[in-house]
Amino acid sequence: MHKKRSRFLPSPVRVRQEPPTVAEAVAAAQALTPVLEQQVDITAGLMGLSPDETRPFVLEAPPPTLQRSAAPQLLPTPSLARVFGVKSAGYANIEPLPRRK
């Protein structure tokens, strides 16, 4: 008789859920709204604390700094077009550069 093979059943994936740090929660709240009271409410909601507990951290936090986006530029410079071998018909047509000998 054939033995029944037990199938390997992977254990369920467990996602670790941790509340954000104070700095992370305040930064997220500052990115969402410039209104301090709303920042206090958002920070409290993210951390699972009361607004009274998070208010001092929001009020002491430095103002958010504007960071440049990591998104690529929409219009490449002509030198980049040469590096990537872009045809003049459009930027969608990319051809490989010839190999160096």
C-alpha atoms as a PDB file:
ATOM      1  CA  MET A   1       0.000   0.000   0.000  1.00  0.00           C
ATOM      2  CA  HIS A   2       1.013   3.533  -0.591  1.00  0.00           C
ATOM      3  CA  LYS A   3       1.785   5.722   2.319  1.00  0.00           C
ATOM      4  CA  LYS A   4       0.089   9.059   2.329  1.00  0.00           C
ATOM      5  CA  ARG A   5       2.620  11.795   2.078  1.00  0.00           C
ATOM      6  CA  SER A   6       1.955  14.717   4.256  1.00  0.00           C
ATOM      7  CA  ARG A   7       2.108  17.941   2.370  1.00  0.00           C
ATOM      8  CA  PHE A   8       4.275  20.681   3.672  1.00  0.00           C
ATOM      9  CA  LEU A   9       2.000  23.348   5.016  1.00  0.00           C
ATOM     10  CA  PRO A  10       3.819  26.604   5.504  1.00  0.00           C
ATOM     11  CA  SER A  11       3.118  28.432   8.691  1.00  0.00           C
ATOM     12  CA  PRO A  12       1.094  31.590   8.301  1.00  0.00           C
ATOM     13  CA  VAL A  13       3.092  34.717   7.727  1.00  0.00           C
ATOM     14  CA  ARG A  14       3.205  36.827  10.835  1.00  0.00           C
ATOM     15  CA  VAL A  15       3.591  40.513  10.335  1.00  0.00           C
ATOM     16  CA  ARG A  16       5.140  42.359  13.198  1.00  0.00           C
ATOM     17  CA  GLN A  17       3.188  45.469  13.992  1.00  0.00           C
ATOM     18  CA  GLU A  18       4.913  48.141  15.980  1.00  0.00           C
ATOM     19  CA  PRO A  19       3.698  51.652  16.604  1.00  0.00           C
ATOM     20  CA  PRO A  20       5.870  54.326  15.015  1.00  0.00           C
ATOM     21  CA  THR A  21       8.415  56.202  17.073  1.00  0.00           C
ATOM     22  CA  VAL A  22       7.514  59.685  18.262  1.00  0.00           C
ATOM     23  CA  ALA A  23       9.718  61.256  15.586  1.00  0.00           C
ATOM     24  CA  GLU A  24       8.155  59.140  12.823  1.00  0.00           C
ATOM     25  CA  ALA A  25       4.606  59.898  13.938  1.00  0.00           C
ATOM     26  CA  VAL A  26       5.269  63.642  14.234  1.00  0.00           C
ATOM     27  CA  ALA A  27       6.986  63.729  10.839  1.00  0.00           C
ATOM     28  CA  ALA A  28       4.029  61.936   9.242  1.00  0.00           C
ATOM     29  CA  ALA A  29       1.580  64.338  10.873  1.00  0.00           C
ATOM     30  CA  GLN A  30       3.609  67.370   9.750  1.00  0.00           C
ATOM     31  CA  ALA A  31       3.639  66.031   6.199  1.00  0.00           C
ATOM     32  CA  LEU A  32      -0.135  65.694   6.218  1.00  0.00           C
ATOM     33  CA  THR A  33      -1.187  69.049   7.638  1.00  0.00           C
ATOM     34  CA  PRO A  34       0.283  72.372   8.774  1.00  0.00           C
ATOM     35  CA  VAL A  35      -2.332  72.756  11.555  1.00  0.00           C
ATOM     36  CA  LEU A  36      -0.763  71.938  14.946  1.00  0.00           C
ATOM     37  CA  GLU A  37      -3.926  70.604  16.593  1.00  0.00           C
ATOM     38  CA  GLN A  38      -4.499  68.237  13.698  1.00  0.00           C
ATOM     39  CA  GLN A  39      -0.866  67.128  13.956  1.00  0.00           C
ATOM     40  CA  VAL A  40      -1.452  66.325  17.634  1.00  0.00           C
ATOM     41  CA  ASP A  41      -4.511  64.223  16.766  1.00  0.00           C
ATOM     42  CA  ILE A  42      -2.742  62.396  13.936  1.00  0.00           C
ATOM     43  CA  THR A  43       0.316  61.679  16.083  1.00  0.00           C
ATOM     44  CA  ALA A  44      -1.880  60.383  18.896  1.00  0.00           C
ATOM     45  CA  GLY A  45      -3.813  58.150  16.514  1.00  0.00           C
ATOM     46  CA  LEU A  46      -0.670  56.692  14.960  1.00  0.00           C
ATOM     47  CA  MET A  47       0.922  55.939  18.312  1.00  0.00           C
ATOM     48  CA  GLY A  48      -2.208  54.799  20.139  1.00  0.00           C
ATOM     49  CA  LEU A  49      -1.846  57.492  22.808  1.00  0.00           C
ATOM     50  CA  SER A  50      -4.048  60.327  23.952  1.00  0.00           C
ATOM     51  CA  PRO A  51      -3.641  63.784  22.374  1.00  0.00           C
ATOM     52  CA  ASP A  52      -2.548  65.179  25.750  1.00  0.00           C
ATOM     53  CA  GLU A  53       0.395  62.734  25.809  1.00  0.00           C
ATOM     54  CA  THR A  54       1.585  63.610  22.303  1.00  0.00           C
ATOM     55  CA  ARG A  55       0.998  67.393  22.336  1.00  0.00           C
ATOM     56  CA  PRO A  56       4.397  68.290  23.932  1.00  0.00           C
ATOM     57  CA  PHE A  57       6.265  66.273  21.292  1.00  0.00           C
ATOM     58  CA  VAL A  58       4.416  67.934  18.403  1.00  0.00           C
ATOM     59  CA  LEU A  59       4.944  71.424  19.834  1.00  0.00           C
ATOM     60  CA  GLU A  60       8.687  70.794  20.409  1.00  0.00           C
ATOM     61  CA  ALA A  61       9.277  69.255  16.977  1.00  0.00           C
ATOM     62  CA  PRO A  62      11.257  71.321  14.490  1.00  0.00           C
ATOM     63  CA  PRO A  63       9.350  72.477  11.423  1.00  0.00           C
ATOM     64  CA  PRO A  64       9.449  70.035   8.533  1.00  0.00           C
ATOM     65  CA  THR A  65      12.218  70.481   6.003  1.00  0.00           C
ATOM     66  CA  LEU A  66      11.386  70.374   2.323  1.00  0.00           C
ATOM     67  CA  GLN A  67      13.226  67.526   0.696  1.00  0.00           C
ATOM     68  CA  ARG A  68      13.610  67.064  -3.002  1.00  0.00           C
ATOM     69  CA  SER A  69      11.698  64.219  -4.495  1.00  0.00           C
ATOM     70  CA  ALA A  70      13.599  61.123  -5.535  1.00  0.00           C
ATOM     71  CA  ALA A  71      11.516  61.024  -8.716  1.00  0.00           C
ATOM     72  CA  PRO A  72      13.520  61.252 -11.929  1.00  0.00           C
ATOM     73  CA  GLN A  73      13.470  64.420 -13.984  1.00  0.00           C
ATOM     74  CA  LEU A  74      10.891  64.449 -16.738  1.00  0.00           C
ATOM     75  CA  LEU A  75      13.149  65.912 -19.417  1.00  0.00           C
ATOM     76  CA  PRO A  76      16.631  64.392 -19.620  1.00  0.00           C
ATOM     77  CA  THR A  77      19.512  66.583 -20.647  1.00  0.00           C
ATOM     78  CA  PRO A  78      21.053  66.056 -24.096  1.00  0.00           C
ATOM     79  CA  SER A  79      24.139  64.505 -22.491  1.00  0.00           C
ATOM     80  CA  LEU A  80      21.962  61.905 -20.762  1.00  0.00           C
ATOM     81  CA  ALA A  81      20.269  61.176 -24.070  1.00  0.00           C
ATOM     82  CA  ARG A  82      23.683  60.364 -25.564  1.00  0.00           C
ATOM     83  CA  VAL A  83      24.696  58.189 -22.618  1.00  0.00           C
ATOM     84  CA  PHE A  84      21.571  56.082 -22.853  1.00  0.00           C
ATOM     85  CA  GLY A  85      21.462  56.051 -26.649  1.00  0.00           C
ATOM     86  CA  VAL A  86      18.088  57.719 -27.010  1.00  0.00           C
ATOM     87  CA  LYS A  87      16.980  58.237 -30.590  1.00  0.00           C
ATOM     88  CA  SER A  88      15.955  61.701 -31.683  1.00  0.00           C
ATOM     89  CA  ALA A  89      12.476  60.424 -32.651  1.00  0.00           C
ATOM     90  CA  GLY A  90      11.515  60.205 -28.968  1.00  0.00           C
ATOM     91  CA  TYR A  91      12.681  59.230 -25.539  1.00  0.00           C
ATOM     92  CA  ALA A  92      10.657  56.014 -25.570  1.00  0.00           C
ATOM     93  CA  ASN A  93      12.940  54.435 -28.180  1.00  0.00           C
ATOM     94  CA  ILE A  94      16.051  53.304 -26.327  1.00  0.00           C
ATOM     95  CA  GLU A  95      18.813  51.396 -28.016  1.00  0.00           C
ATOM     96  CA  PRO A  96      21.864  49.853 -26.366  1.00  0.00           C
ATOM     97  CA  LEU A  97      25.203  51.615 -26.625  1.00  0.00           C
ATOM     98  CA  PRO A  98      27.879  49.927 -28.720  1.00  0.00           C
ATOM     99  CA  ARG A  99      30.395  47.902 -26.755  1.00  0.00           C
ATOM    100  CA  ARG A 100      33.879  49.281 -26.287  1.00  0.00           C
ATOM    101  CA  LYS A 101      36.758  47.307 -27.703  1.00  0.00           C
END
